[in-house]
Amino acid sequence: SQAARELSYKGVFVYQSGNASKSVQLTHMNYGQGEYARMVVLDGAPREVLSQGSDVVIFSPKNEKIMIEKKRGQNMFPALLPSNMDALKASYLAQAGGTERIGGRDATVVSLSPKDQMRYCYKFWVDKEFGLLLKAVTLGEHGDALEQIGFSQLTLMDGQNMDWFKPKFDPSKSYVMDQDGPAKANSADMDWDLTQLPAGYRKVDQVKQLVQGKGLPVTQMIFSDGLASISIFIEPLAKGVRPKVGHTIVGATNFFALVHEGHQVMVIGEVPEAAVTQFGNAVSFKVKK
């Protein structure tokens, strides 16, 4: 965790989920003025993500739109691991394995096995010299790889040249800047509670935002056990809109939708089906006086 934020490095990592894969070029630097990163998606539609501290700017030349937002809920590779290990120790058992070579560097293999059925098993490949996370694999209940992300090449950098920290886009185009990110949601304004959540998960954020195509704002609550992340979306049901109900799985991500007290409840997380089901059923609406 500390290495991912404090080291300066450049490389290409590959993300795979199901049959889909994507290559991303990553440059990361940390020096006196703070932490900077630039991610360039190399496959499909062009897309760049630049981050400075907690500020993130997303460039999407295809729709000529620039979005500015705050990092929320989930860290970006290779900074996937929390700095506080206590939460992980409460929910997982760690076991060190052998040594393998990833992205041209020697790595120690570490397995995290869940203590219950509310999270997946993980395998991490950690750089033996610097402790940087080089590869992460999410494993299903039968040991099959549901999702993986890892460097195919990696170089540690020296110096403080910041010429790389700028996007590539056509200056002749007029880009639209979108700074209307989600607003903080006040718990006192909510007319529902969450009870009997799976052990080990805690709420890390709660926001309310307008979504394109929806007339009323959607409330999102983000929960994490330090590694796995789950989001609950709650919105009033609109007239004439067919509600979503049931389970769906894509790669490592499980979706669970249900209708409760005139509201659409949607739970999404890279966790087993049992976890999203328990989160969905934990939503209870307050009795109005």
Protein backbone atom coordinates (compact mmCIF):
# COMPACT_ATOMS: atom_id res chain seq x y z
CA SER A 1 0.00 0.00 0.00
CA GLN A 2 2.74 2.42 0.95
CA ALA A 3 4.90 1.47 -2.05
CA ALA A 4 2.07 2.08 -4.54
CA ARG A 5 1.68 5.65 -3.33
CA GLU A 6 5.28 6.63 -2.59
CA LEU A 7 7.26 5.08 -5.46
CA SER A 8 7.63 6.58 -8.95
CA TYR A 9 7.07 4.06 -11.75
CA LYS A 10 5.86 3.60 -15.30
CA GLY A 11 4.42 0.51 -16.94
CA VAL A 12 1.59 -1.20 -18.77
CA PHE A 13 -0.96 -3.34 -16.96
CA VAL A 14 -3.65 -5.61 -18.35
CA TYR A 15 -7.10 -5.92 -16.81
CA GLN A 16 -9.13 -9.06 -17.55
CA SER A 17 -12.71 -9.80 -16.52
CA GLY A 18 -14.49 -12.73 -18.12
CA ASN A 19 -13.73 -12.60 -21.84
CA ALA A 20 -12.98 -8.87 -21.81
CA SER A 21 -9.48 -7.44 -21.47
CA LYS A 22 -7.97 -3.98 -21.59
CA SER A 23 -4.41 -2.65 -21.59
CA VAL A 24 -3.61 0.56 -19.70
CA GLN A 25 -0.41 2.60 -19.62
CA LEU A 26 0.27 3.96 -16.13
CA THR A 27 2.74 6.63 -15.04
CA HIS A 28 2.96 7.45 -11.34
CA MET A 29 5.18 9.91 -9.51
CA ASN A 30 5.42 11.06 -5.93
CA TYR A 31 7.73 13.80 -4.81
CA GLY A 32 7.68 17.00 -2.71
CA GLN A 33 4.58 18.49 -4.31
CA GLY A 34 2.40 15.39 -3.93
CA GLU A 35 1.19 12.29 -5.76
CA TYR A 36 0.47 12.34 -9.51
CA ALA A 37 -0.73 9.62 -11.88
CA ARG A 38 -1.76 9.35 -15.53
CA MET A 39 -3.59 6.35 -16.99
CA VAL A 40 -4.05 5.96 -20.75
CA VAL A 41 -6.39 3.24 -22.03
CA LEU A 42 -4.64 1.63 -24.99
CA ASP A 43 -7.55 -0.43 -26.36
CA GLY A 44 -10.88 0.66 -27.80
CA ALA A 45 -12.20 4.19 -27.34
CA PRO A 46 -9.51 6.66 -26.24
CA ARG A 47 -9.68 7.61 -22.59
CA GLU A 48 -7.26 9.16 -20.11
CA VAL A 49 -7.41 9.59 -16.36
CA LEU A 50 -5.16 12.10 -14.59
CA SER A 51 -5.11 12.29 -10.80
CA GLN A 52 -3.45 14.67 -8.38
CA GLY A 53 -4.07 13.78 -4.77
CA SER A 54 -7.82 13.16 -4.44
CA ASP A 55 -8.72 15.09 -7.61
CA VAL A 56 -9.37 13.07 -10.76
CA VAL A 57 -9.78 14.41 -14.30
CA ILE A 58 -11.19 12.09 -16.97
CA PHE A 59 -10.63 12.92 -20.64
CA SER A 60 -12.93 11.18 -23.12
CA PRO A 61 -12.13 12.56 -26.59
CA LYS A 62 -14.85 10.41 -28.17
CA ASN A 63 -17.65 12.47 -26.61
CA GLU A 64 -15.47 15.57 -26.23
CA LYS A 65 -16.14 15.78 -22.52
CA ILE A 66 -13.86 16.41 -19.56
CA MET A 67 -15.04 15.32 -16.13
CA ILE A 68 -13.53 16.46 -12.82
CA GLU A 69 -14.36 14.43 -9.74
CA LYS A 70 -13.09 13.27 -6.38
CA LYS A 71 -11.84 9.74 -5.81
CA ARG A 72 -14.62 7.80 -4.14
CA GLY A 73 -14.82 4.40 -2.53
CA GLN A 74 -12.27 2.47 -4.52
CA ASN A 75 -8.56 2.87 -5.13
CA MET A 76 -6.89 2.40 -8.49
CA PHE A 77 -4.31 -0.28 -9.33
CA PRO A 78 -1.72 -0.85 -7.98
CA ALA A 79 -2.93 1.03 -4.87
CA LEU A 80 -5.61 -1.58 -4.14
CA LEU A 81 -4.56 -2.50 -0.62
CA PRO A 82 -5.51 -0.44 2.45
CA SER A 83 -2.87 1.17 4.65
CA ASN A 84 -4.66 -0.20 7.74
CA MET A 85 -4.37 -3.98 7.81
CA ASP A 86 -6.69 -4.49 10.80
CA ALA A 87 -9.82 -4.74 8.62
CA LEU A 88 -8.22 -7.37 6.41
CA LYS A 89 -7.01 -9.39 9.39
CA ALA A 90 -10.57 -9.47 10.71
CA SER A 91 -12.02 -10.89 7.48
CA TYR A 92 -9.20 -12.84 5.77
CA LEU A 93 -6.43 -15.31 6.47
CA ALA A 94 -3.11 -14.50 4.77
CA GLN A 95 -0.58 -17.06 3.58
CA ALA A 96 2.71 -16.40 1.79
CA GLY A 97 3.62 -18.70 -1.10
CA GLY A 98 6.58 -18.99 -3.44
CA THR A 99 8.30 -16.58 -5.78
CA GLU A 100 7.23 -15.86 -9.36
CA ARG A 101 8.29 -13.37 -12.01
CA ILE A 102 5.78 -10.65 -13.02
CA GLY A 103 6.50 -7.81 -15.45
CA GLY A 104 10.21 -8.61 -15.37
CA ARG A 105 10.45 -8.49 -11.58
CA ASP A 106 10.59 -11.12 -8.82
CA ALA A 107 7.44 -11.24 -6.70
CA THR A 108 6.27 -13.00 -3.55
CA VAL A 109 2.87 -14.69 -3.88
CA VAL A 110 0.41 -13.95 -1.05
CA SER A 111 -3.04 -15.54 -0.76
CA LEU A 112 -5.95 -14.05 1.17
CA SER A 113 -8.67 -16.56 2.08
CA PRO A 114 -12.00 -15.21 3.39
CA LYS A 115 -13.28 -16.28 6.79
CA ASP A 116 -16.88 -16.42 5.50
CA GLN A 117 -18.88 -16.55 2.26
CA MET A 118 -19.28 -12.77 2.03
CA ARG A 119 -16.09 -12.10 0.06
CA TYR A 120 -13.84 -13.68 -2.53
CA CYS A 121 -10.40 -15.23 -2.23
CA TYR A 122 -7.50 -13.16 -3.60
CA LYS A 123 -3.95 -13.81 -4.75
CA PHE A 124 -1.38 -11.03 -4.84
CA TRP A 125 2.07 -10.87 -6.38
CA VAL A 126 4.18 -8.36 -4.44
CA ASP A 127 7.56 -7.03 -5.61
CA LYS A 128 10.25 -8.62 -3.41
CA GLU A 129 12.49 -5.55 -3.47
CA PHE A 130 10.08 -2.65 -3.05
CA GLY A 131 6.76 -4.17 -1.92
CA LEU A 132 4.82 -2.82 -4.90
CA LEU A 133 1.72 -4.82 -5.93
CA LEU A 134 2.48 -6.28 -9.38
CA LYS A 135 -0.57 -8.48 -9.95
CA ALA A 136 -3.90 -9.29 -8.29
CA VAL A 137 -6.32 -12.13 -9.07
CA THR A 138 -9.85 -12.54 -7.72
CA LEU A 139 -10.80 -16.21 -7.32
CA GLY A 140 -14.26 -17.77 -7.27
CA GLU A 141 -15.44 -20.41 -4.80
CA HIS A 142 -14.03 -23.17 -7.02
CA GLY A 143 -10.66 -21.50 -7.43
CA ASP A 144 -11.37 -20.15 -10.91
CA ALA A 145 -10.00 -16.71 -11.85
CA LEU A 146 -12.93 -14.28 -12.07
CA GLU A 147 -10.85 -11.17 -12.60
CA GLN A 148 -7.17 -10.28 -12.78
CA ILE A 149 -5.04 -7.21 -13.19
CA GLY A 150 -1.27 -7.08 -13.46
CA PHE A 151 1.75 -5.40 -15.00
CA SER A 152 3.06 -6.81 -18.27
CA GLN A 153 5.99 -4.41 -18.02
CA LEU A 154 7.21 -2.09 -15.28
CA THR A 155 10.05 0.42 -14.82
CA LEU A 156 10.89 2.33 -11.66
CA MET A 157 11.67 5.99 -12.35
CA ASP A 158 14.10 8.56 -10.99
CA GLY A 159 13.89 12.33 -11.39
CA GLN A 160 11.07 14.84 -11.21
CA ASN A 161 10.32 15.61 -14.86
CA MET A 162 6.57 16.27 -15.11
CA ASP A 163 6.31 16.62 -18.91
CA TRP A 164 4.27 13.39 -19.01
CA PHE A 165 1.53 14.80 -16.78
CA LYS A 166 -0.72 16.18 -19.51
CA PRO A 167 -3.39 14.57 -21.69
CA LYS A 168 -3.21 14.05 -25.43
CA PHE A 169 -6.20 15.67 -27.06
CA ASP A 170 -7.04 17.76 -30.11
CA PRO A 171 -6.68 21.46 -29.15
CA SER A 172 -8.88 22.44 -32.09
CA LYS A 173 -11.91 20.81 -30.44
CA SER A 174 -14.06 22.56 -27.86
CA TYR A 175 -14.28 20.22 -24.88
CA VAL A 176 -17.15 20.32 -22.41
CA MET A 177 -16.10 20.38 -18.76
CA ASP A 178 -18.36 18.63 -16.27
CA GLN A 179 -17.67 19.45 -12.62
CA ASP A 180 -21.10 18.52 -11.25
CA GLY A 181 -20.06 15.53 -9.20
CA PRO A 182 -22.23 13.77 -6.63
CA ALA A 183 -23.24 15.70 -3.52
CA LYS A 184 -22.82 14.44 0.01
CA ALA A 185 -26.03 12.83 1.26
CA ASN A 186 -27.18 13.63 4.79
CA SER A 187 -28.14 10.50 6.72
CA ALA A 188 -30.79 12.47 8.59
CA ASP A 189 -32.67 12.98 5.32
CA MET A 190 -32.85 9.26 4.53
CA ASP A 191 -36.12 7.43 5.13
CA TRP A 192 -34.49 4.00 5.38
CA ASP A 193 -32.07 2.10 7.59
CA LEU A 194 -29.58 -0.71 7.00
CA THR A 195 -29.65 -3.59 9.47
CA GLN A 196 -27.82 -6.92 9.77
CA LEU A 197 -25.02 -6.11 7.34
CA PRO A 198 -22.34 -8.78 6.75
CA ALA A 199 -19.57 -8.64 9.34
CA GLY A 200 -16.44 -6.70 8.43
CA TYR A 201 -18.04 -4.15 6.09
CA ARG A 202 -18.31 -0.48 6.99
CA LYS A 203 -19.73 2.52 5.15
CA VAL A 204 -17.02 4.62 3.52
CA ASP A 205 -19.15 7.11 1.57
CA GLN A 206 -22.71 8.23 0.89
CA VAL A 207 -23.70 10.53 -1.97
CA LYS A 208 -26.76 11.69 -3.89
CA GLN A 209 -26.64 12.49 -7.59
CA LEU A 210 -28.77 13.03 -10.67
CA VAL A 211 -28.36 10.31 -13.28
CA GLN A 212 -28.99 10.90 -16.98
CA GLY A 213 -32.45 9.71 -17.93
CA LYS A 214 -33.79 9.75 -14.36
CA GLY A 215 -36.01 12.51 -13.02
CA LEU A 216 -35.24 12.00 -9.32
CA PRO A 217 -31.84 11.83 -7.61
CA VAL A 218 -30.26 8.47 -6.79
CA THR A 219 -28.66 7.82 -3.41
CA GLN A 220 -25.50 5.70 -3.40
CA MET A 221 -23.89 4.18 -0.32
CA ILE A 222 -20.45 2.58 -0.58
CA PHE A 223 -19.24 -0.11 1.82
CA SER A 224 -15.87 -1.82 2.08
CA ASP A 225 -14.06 -4.41 4.15
CA GLY A 226 -10.74 -2.81 3.22
CA LEU A 227 -10.52 -4.73 -0.05
CA ALA A 228 -13.94 -5.72 -1.42
CA SER A 229 -16.33 -2.88 -2.28
CA ILE A 230 -20.15 -2.88 -2.43
CA SER A 231 -22.48 -0.09 -3.57
CA ILE A 232 -26.19 0.23 -2.77
CA PHE A 233 -28.28 2.47 -5.05
CA ILE A 234 -31.75 3.53 -3.86
CA GLU A 235 -34.20 5.61 -5.89
CA PRO A 236 -37.97 6.15 -5.95
CA LEU A 237 -39.71 4.10 -8.61
CA ALA A 238 -40.83 6.22 -11.53
CA LYS A 239 -44.27 5.71 -13.04
CA GLY A 240 -44.27 3.60 -16.18
CA VAL A 241 -40.76 2.28 -15.57
CA ARG A 242 -40.44 -1.46 -15.24
CA PRO A 243 -38.45 -2.24 -12.07
CA LYS A 244 -35.45 -4.55 -12.07
CA VAL A 245 -35.61 -7.68 -9.91
CA GLY A 246 -33.20 -10.59 -9.43
CA HIS A 247 -29.53 -11.55 -9.69
CA THR A 248 -26.99 -11.03 -12.47
CA ILE A 249 -23.25 -11.73 -12.55
CA VAL A 250 -20.63 -10.30 -14.92
CA GLY A 251 -17.09 -11.49 -14.27
CA ALA A 252 -16.47 -10.98 -10.57
CA THR A 253 -19.28 -8.45 -10.18
CA ASN A 254 -22.64 -9.52 -8.75
CA PHE A 255 -25.81 -7.47 -9.16
CA PHE A 256 -28.92 -7.86 -7.00
CA ALA A 257 -32.07 -5.81 -7.61
CA LEU A 258 -35.31 -5.68 -5.66
CA VAL A 259 -38.26 -3.37 -5.06
CA HIS A 260 -39.02 -2.21 -1.54
CA GLU A 261 -41.64 0.32 -0.37
CA GLY A 262 -41.95 1.95 -3.78
CA HIS A 263 -38.19 2.19 -4.27
CA GLN A 264 -35.76 0.45 -6.61
CA VAL A 265 -32.86 -1.02 -4.64
CA MET A 266 -29.77 -2.11 -6.59
CA VAL A 267 -26.69 -3.69 -5.00
CA ILE A 268 -23.48 -4.00 -7.01
CA GLY A 269 -20.18 -5.41 -5.80
CA GLU A 270 -17.17 -7.53 -6.66
CA VAL A 271 -18.31 -10.00 -4.01
CA PRO A 272 -20.19 -13.34 -3.96
CA GLU A 273 -23.93 -13.49 -4.55
CA ALA A 274 -24.58 -14.11 -0.85
CA ALA A 275 -23.09 -10.72 0.05
CA VAL A 276 -25.12 -8.59 -2.39
CA THR A 277 -28.26 -10.51 -1.37
CA GLN A 278 -27.70 -9.80 2.32
CA PHE A 279 -27.02 -6.12 1.61
CA GLY A 280 -30.20 -5.82 -0.44
CA ASN A 281 -32.32 -7.49 2.20
CA ALA A 282 -30.76 -5.29 4.90
CA VAL A 283 -32.57 -2.19 3.57
CA SER A 284 -35.61 -1.37 5.70
CA PHE A 285 -37.74 1.74 5.41
CA LYS A 286 -38.58 3.81 8.45
CA VAL A 287 -42.18 3.95 9.62
CA LYS A 288 -43.54 7.42 8.91
CA LYS A 289 -45.30 9.04 11.85
